[in-house]
Amino acid sequence: MRIVWTQEALERLEDIQYYLAVKQSAPQAAQDMIDKLIGKLPQIEDMPFSGKELADHSHPNIRELLENPYRIIYYVDGDVIYLISIMHQRQLLPKVKEIRTMVREAIKLTDSEY
């Protein structure tokens, strides 16, 4: 399995780090949270369907894995896993159409790399 980060996921990870380190004046907490989130990637890579299906999203390949208080949203496509977003659990989930658009964009960008 191979993990591909979408631009959305990378930006969200940066937002989380900035919020905790700068806005909350907690740089160590920011680093710890980033380490925990990135620490979930081996689980996603080794067992991609260990994350639960997203509520109200009728696609079994769109999953989420929780690292309190955040959720990692990803899409499994054969031997590639696309990290779609990382967001706080209290935030509203993107609509199905938005997730599908993010997946299509990620796949298109990945294909153009070859």
N, C-alpha and C. Protein backbone atom coordinates (compact mmCIF):
# COMPACT_ATOMS: atom_id res chain seq x y z
N MET A 1 0.85 -1.18 0.00
CA MET A 1 0.00 0.00 0.00
C MET A 1 0.90 1.25 0.00
N ARG A 2 0.37 2.27 -0.63
CA ARG A 2 1.09 3.54 -0.72
C ARG A 2 0.13 4.65 -0.30
N ILE A 3 0.62 5.57 0.52
CA ILE A 3 -0.21 6.68 0.98
C ILE A 3 0.13 7.93 0.18
N VAL A 4 -0.91 8.61 -0.30
CA VAL A 4 -0.76 9.87 -1.03
C VAL A 4 -1.49 10.95 -0.25
N TRP A 5 -0.78 12.00 0.07
CA TRP A 5 -1.37 13.13 0.78
C TRP A 5 -2.01 14.08 -0.23
N THR A 6 -3.25 14.47 0.02
CA THR A 6 -3.85 15.53 -0.80
C THR A 6 -3.40 16.87 -0.25
N GLN A 7 -3.51 17.89 -1.07
CA GLN A 7 -3.18 19.24 -0.63
C GLN A 7 -4.03 19.63 0.57
N GLU A 8 -5.30 19.25 0.54
CA GLU A 8 -6.22 19.53 1.64
C GLU A 8 -5.69 18.94 2.95
N ALA A 9 -5.27 17.69 2.93
CA ALA A 9 -4.79 17.03 4.15
C ALA A 9 -3.52 17.71 4.67
N LEU A 10 -2.62 18.05 3.76
CA LEU A 10 -1.40 18.73 4.18
C LEU A 10 -1.69 20.09 4.81
N GLU A 11 -2.61 20.83 4.19
CA GLU A 11 -2.97 22.14 4.74
C GLU A 11 -3.64 22.01 6.09
N ARG A 12 -4.50 21.02 6.25
CA ARG A 12 -5.16 20.81 7.55
C ARG A 12 -4.15 20.45 8.64
N LEU A 13 -3.16 19.64 8.28
CA LEU A 13 -2.13 19.27 9.25
C LEU A 13 -1.36 20.52 9.68
N GLU A 14 -1.02 21.37 8.73
CA GLU A 14 -0.35 22.63 9.06
C GLU A 14 -1.23 23.52 9.92
N ASP A 15 -2.52 23.58 9.61
CA ASP A 15 -3.45 24.38 10.41
C ASP A 15 -3.51 23.91 11.85
N ILE A 16 -3.53 22.60 12.04
CA ILE A 16 -3.57 22.03 13.40
C ILE A 16 -2.31 22.41 14.15
N GLN A 17 -1.17 22.25 13.50
CA GLN A 17 0.09 22.59 14.16
C GLN A 17 0.14 24.08 14.50
N TYR A 18 -0.25 24.92 13.57
CA TYR A 18 -0.25 26.37 13.81
C TYR A 18 -1.19 26.73 14.97
N TYR A 19 -2.39 26.19 14.94
CA TYR A 19 -3.37 26.51 15.98
C TYR A 19 -2.84 26.15 17.37
N LEU A 20 -2.33 24.94 17.51
CA LEU A 20 -1.86 24.51 18.82
C LEU A 20 -0.58 25.25 19.24
N ALA A 21 0.35 25.38 18.32
CA ALA A 21 1.65 25.98 18.67
C ALA A 21 1.54 27.49 18.89
N VAL A 22 0.82 28.19 18.01
CA VAL A 22 0.79 29.65 18.06
C VAL A 22 -0.44 30.17 18.81
N LYS A 23 -1.60 29.76 18.38
CA LYS A 23 -2.84 30.29 18.99
C LYS A 23 -3.02 29.81 20.42
N GLN A 24 -2.63 28.58 20.69
CA GLN A 24 -2.76 28.04 22.04
C GLN A 24 -1.45 28.13 22.84
N SER A 25 -0.42 28.66 22.22
CA SER A 25 0.91 28.79 22.85
C SER A 25 1.39 27.47 23.45
N ALA A 26 1.23 26.41 22.67
CA ALA A 26 1.61 25.09 23.15
C ALA A 26 2.40 24.33 22.08
N PRO A 27 3.63 24.76 21.82
CA PRO A 27 4.41 24.12 20.75
C PRO A 27 4.66 22.63 20.99
N GLN A 28 4.87 22.23 22.24
CA GLN A 28 5.09 20.80 22.50
C GLN A 28 3.82 20.00 22.26
N ALA A 29 2.67 20.55 22.66
CA ALA A 29 1.39 19.87 22.40
C ALA A 29 1.15 19.76 20.91
N ALA A 30 1.54 20.79 20.17
CA ALA A 30 1.39 20.76 18.71
C ALA A 30 2.24 19.63 18.12
N GLN A 31 3.48 19.54 18.54
CA GLN A 31 4.36 18.49 18.02
C GLN A 31 3.86 17.11 18.41
N ASP A 32 3.38 16.98 19.66
CA ASP A 32 2.85 15.69 20.11
C ASP A 32 1.64 15.26 19.27
N MET A 33 0.75 16.21 18.96
CA MET A 33 -0.44 15.88 18.19
C MET A 33 -0.07 15.50 16.76
N ILE A 34 0.85 16.25 16.16
CA ILE A 34 1.29 15.92 14.81
C ILE A 34 1.91 14.52 14.79
N ASP A 35 2.72 14.22 15.80
CA ASP A 35 3.34 12.89 15.89
C ASP A 35 2.27 11.80 16.03
N LYS A 36 1.24 12.05 16.82
CA LYS A 36 0.15 11.06 16.99
C LYS A 36 -0.60 10.85 15.68
N LEU A 37 -0.90 11.95 14.99
CA LEU A 37 -1.63 11.83 13.73
C LEU A 37 -0.81 11.08 12.69
N ILE A 38 0.44 11.45 12.55
CA ILE A 38 1.31 10.76 11.60
C ILE A 38 1.56 9.31 12.05
N GLY A 39 1.54 9.10 13.35
CA GLY A 39 1.70 7.75 13.89
C GLY A 39 0.57 6.81 13.52
N LYS A 40 -0.55 7.34 13.06
CA LYS A 40 -1.68 6.51 12.63
C LYS A 40 -1.48 5.97 11.21
N LEU A 41 -0.56 6.56 10.46
CA LEU A 41 -0.38 6.17 9.05
C LEU A 41 0.01 4.70 8.87
N PRO A 42 0.89 4.14 9.69
CA PRO A 42 1.19 2.71 9.51
C PRO A 42 -0.05 1.82 9.66
N GLN A 43 -0.94 2.16 10.59
CA GLN A 43 -2.17 1.38 10.74
C GLN A 43 -3.02 1.48 9.47
N ILE A 44 -3.15 2.71 8.95
CA ILE A 44 -3.93 2.91 7.73
C ILE A 44 -3.29 2.14 6.57
N GLU A 45 -1.98 2.20 6.50
CA GLU A 45 -1.25 1.54 5.42
C GLU A 45 -1.36 0.02 5.50
N ASP A 46 -1.22 -0.53 6.71
CA ASP A 46 -1.25 -1.98 6.90
C ASP A 46 -2.66 -2.56 6.91
N MET A 47 -3.61 -1.80 7.46
CA MET A 47 -5.00 -2.27 7.58
C MET A 47 -5.94 -1.15 7.16
N PRO A 48 -6.02 -0.85 5.87
CA PRO A 48 -6.77 0.32 5.42
C PRO A 48 -8.25 0.30 5.77
N PHE A 49 -8.81 -0.87 5.95
CA PHE A 49 -10.24 -0.93 6.28
C PHE A 49 -10.48 -1.01 7.78
N SER A 50 -9.44 -0.73 8.59
CA SER A 50 -9.62 -0.70 10.04
C SER A 50 -10.34 0.56 10.48
N GLY A 51 -10.26 1.61 9.67
CA GLY A 51 -11.02 2.82 9.95
C GLY A 51 -12.48 2.57 9.63
N LYS A 52 -13.35 3.30 10.30
CA LYS A 52 -14.78 3.06 10.06
C LYS A 52 -15.28 3.87 8.87
N GLU A 53 -16.36 3.37 8.27
CA GLU A 53 -16.98 4.09 7.18
C GLU A 53 -17.54 5.40 7.70
N LEU A 54 -17.50 6.43 6.88
CA LEU A 54 -18.05 7.72 7.29
C LEU A 54 -19.56 7.65 7.35
N ALA A 55 -20.12 8.19 8.40
CA ALA A 55 -21.57 8.26 8.53
C ALA A 55 -22.14 9.10 7.39
N ASP A 56 -23.24 8.68 6.84
CA ASP A 56 -23.94 9.39 5.76
C ASP A 56 -23.18 9.42 4.44
N HIS A 57 -22.12 8.66 4.32
CA HIS A 57 -21.38 8.56 3.07
C HIS A 57 -21.47 7.11 2.62
N SER A 58 -22.12 6.89 1.53
CA SER A 58 -22.42 5.52 1.11
C SER A 58 -21.33 4.92 0.22
N HIS A 59 -20.10 5.10 0.61
CA HIS A 59 -19.01 4.51 -0.15
C HIS A 59 -18.09 3.78 0.82
N PRO A 60 -17.97 2.46 0.67
CA PRO A 60 -17.19 1.69 1.65
C PRO A 60 -15.70 1.99 1.63
N ASN A 61 -15.19 2.66 0.60
CA ASN A 61 -13.76 2.95 0.53
C ASN A 61 -13.41 4.30 1.14
N ILE A 62 -14.40 5.08 1.53
CA ILE A 62 -14.15 6.35 2.22
C ILE A 62 -14.23 6.06 3.71
N ARG A 63 -13.11 6.22 4.41
CA ARG A 63 -13.01 5.80 5.80
C ARG A 63 -12.49 6.95 6.68
N GLU A 64 -12.60 6.73 7.98
CA GLU A 64 -12.00 7.67 8.93
C GLU A 64 -11.37 6.90 10.07
N LEU A 65 -10.28 7.43 10.55
CA LEU A 65 -9.60 6.87 11.71
C LEU A 65 -9.46 8.01 12.71
N LEU A 66 -9.82 7.75 13.94
CA LEU A 66 -9.83 8.79 14.95
C LEU A 66 -8.54 8.83 15.75
N GLU A 67 -8.10 10.04 16.02
CA GLU A 67 -7.03 10.32 16.97
C GLU A 67 -7.54 11.55 17.72
N ASN A 68 -8.19 11.29 18.83
CA ASN A 68 -8.92 12.30 19.57
C ASN A 68 -8.10 13.57 19.78
N PRO A 69 -8.62 14.71 19.44
CA PRO A 69 -9.96 15.05 18.99
C PRO A 69 -10.08 15.19 17.46
N TYR A 70 -9.18 14.55 16.70
CA TYR A 70 -9.18 14.71 15.25
C TYR A 70 -9.60 13.41 14.55
N ARG A 71 -9.97 13.56 13.30
CA ARG A 71 -10.28 12.41 12.45
C ARG A 71 -9.46 12.54 11.17
N ILE A 72 -8.94 11.41 10.76
CA ILE A 72 -8.20 11.34 9.50
C ILE A 72 -9.15 10.71 8.49
N ILE A 73 -9.46 11.43 7.44
CA ILE A 73 -10.39 10.94 6.42
C ILE A 73 -9.56 10.51 5.21
N TYR A 74 -9.83 9.30 4.74
CA TYR A 74 -9.05 8.78 3.63
C TYR A 74 -9.89 7.92 2.70
N TYR A 75 -9.33 7.68 1.52
CA TYR A 75 -10.01 6.91 0.48
C TYR A 75 -9.07 5.80 0.03
N VAL A 76 -9.59 4.57 0.02
CA VAL A 76 -8.81 3.41 -0.39
C VAL A 76 -9.14 3.10 -1.84
N ASP A 77 -8.09 3.08 -2.67
CA ASP A 77 -8.27 2.80 -4.10
C ASP A 77 -7.21 1.78 -4.52
N GLY A 78 -7.56 0.51 -4.45
CA GLY A 78 -6.61 -0.54 -4.78
C GLY A 78 -5.46 -0.54 -3.79
N ASP A 79 -4.25 -0.34 -4.30
CA ASP A 79 -3.08 -0.33 -3.41
C ASP A 79 -2.63 1.09 -3.05
N VAL A 80 -3.51 2.07 -3.30
CA VAL A 80 -3.20 3.46 -2.95
C VAL A 80 -4.24 3.97 -1.96
N ILE A 81 -3.76 4.68 -0.96
CA ILE A 81 -4.64 5.31 0.04
C ILE A 81 -4.44 6.81 -0.08
N TYR A 82 -5.52 7.53 -0.33
CA TYR A 82 -5.47 8.99 -0.45
C TYR A 82 -5.94 9.61 0.85
N LEU A 83 -5.05 10.36 1.51
CA LEU A 83 -5.46 11.09 2.71
C LEU A 83 -6.21 12.32 2.24
N ILE A 84 -7.49 12.36 2.55
CA ILE A 84 -8.37 13.40 2.06
C ILE A 84 -8.33 14.64 2.94
N SER A 85 -8.44 14.43 4.25
CA SER A 85 -8.46 15.58 5.16
C SER A 85 -8.16 15.11 6.58
N ILE A 86 -7.79 16.05 7.40
CA ILE A 86 -7.65 15.82 8.84
C ILE A 86 -8.43 16.95 9.49
N MET A 87 -9.39 16.59 10.30
CA MET A 87 -10.25 17.64 10.86
C MET A 87 -10.67 17.31 12.28
N HIS A 88 -11.06 18.35 13.00
CA HIS A 88 -11.55 18.18 14.37
C HIS A 88 -12.86 17.42 14.32
N GLN A 89 -13.09 16.57 15.29
CA GLN A 89 -14.30 15.75 15.30
C GLN A 89 -15.58 16.58 15.40
N ARG A 90 -15.49 17.78 15.92
CA ARG A 90 -16.69 18.62 16.02
C ARG A 90 -17.04 19.33 14.72
N GLN A 91 -16.12 19.34 13.76
CA GLN A 91 -16.40 19.98 12.48
C GLN A 91 -17.32 19.10 11.64
N LEU A 92 -18.13 19.76 10.85
CA LEU A 92 -19.00 19.01 9.94
C LEU A 92 -18.15 18.33 8.87
N LEU A 93 -18.53 17.11 8.56
CA LEU A 93 -17.84 16.38 7.50
C LEU A 93 -18.12 17.01 6.15
N PRO A 94 -17.15 16.94 5.25
CA PRO A 94 -17.44 17.41 3.89
C PRO A 94 -18.55 16.58 3.28
N LYS A 95 -19.29 17.17 2.37
CA LYS A 95 -20.36 16.44 1.69
C LYS A 95 -19.73 15.40 0.77
N VAL A 96 -20.52 14.39 0.43
CA VAL A 96 -20.04 13.31 -0.42
C VAL A 96 -19.44 13.86 -1.71
N LYS A 97 -20.12 14.83 -2.30
CA LYS A 97 -19.65 15.41 -3.56
C LYS A 97 -18.27 16.05 -3.39
N GLU A 98 -18.06 16.74 -2.27
CA GLU A 98 -16.76 17.37 -2.01
C GLU A 98 -15.67 16.32 -1.85
N ILE A 99 -15.97 15.25 -1.13
CA ILE A 99 -14.98 14.19 -0.93
C ILE A 99 -14.64 13.54 -2.27
N ARG A 100 -15.64 13.26 -3.06
CA ARG A 100 -15.39 12.63 -4.37
C ARG A 100 -14.54 13.55 -5.25
N THR A 101 -14.80 14.85 -5.19
CA THR A 101 -14.00 15.81 -5.96
C THR A 101 -12.55 15.78 -5.49
N MET A 102 -12.34 15.76 -4.17
CA MET A 102 -10.98 15.71 -3.62
C MET A 102 -10.27 14.44 -4.06
N VAL A 103 -11.00 13.32 -4.05
CA VAL A 103 -10.41 12.05 -4.47
C VAL A 103 -10.02 12.11 -5.95
N ARG A 104 -10.93 12.59 -6.79
CA ARG A 104 -10.62 12.70 -8.22
C ARG A 104 -9.40 13.59 -8.47
N GLU A 105 -9.34 14.70 -7.77
CA GLU A 105 -8.20 15.61 -7.92
C GLU A 105 -6.90 14.94 -7.48
N ALA A 106 -6.96 14.21 -6.36
CA ALA A 106 -5.77 13.51 -5.87
C ALA A 106 -5.31 12.44 -6.85
N ILE A 107 -6.26 11.70 -7.41
CA ILE A 107 -5.91 10.65 -8.36
C ILE A 107 -5.31 11.28 -9.62
N LYS A 108 -5.90 12.36 -10.08
CA LYS A 108 -5.41 13.03 -11.28
C LYS A 108 -3.98 13.54 -11.05
N LEU A 109 -3.73 14.14 -9.90
CA LEU A 109 -2.40 14.65 -9.60
C LEU A 109 -1.38 13.51 -9.51
N THR A 110 -1.78 12.41 -8.90
CA THR A 110 -0.89 11.27 -8.77
C THR A 110 -0.56 10.70 -10.14
N ASP A 111 -1.57 10.55 -10.99
CA ASP A 111 -1.34 10.00 -12.33
C ASP A 111 -0.41 10.88 -13.13
N SER A 112 -0.47 12.18 -12.94
CA SER A 112 0.37 13.09 -13.72
C SER A 112 1.82 13.05 -13.25
N GLU A 113 2.09 12.49 -12.08
CA GLU A 113 3.46 12.40 -11.58
C GLU A 113 4.26 11.37 -12.36
N TYR A 114 3.60 10.42 -13.01
CA TYR A 114 4.30 9.34 -13.71
C TYR A 114 4.60 9.71 -15.14
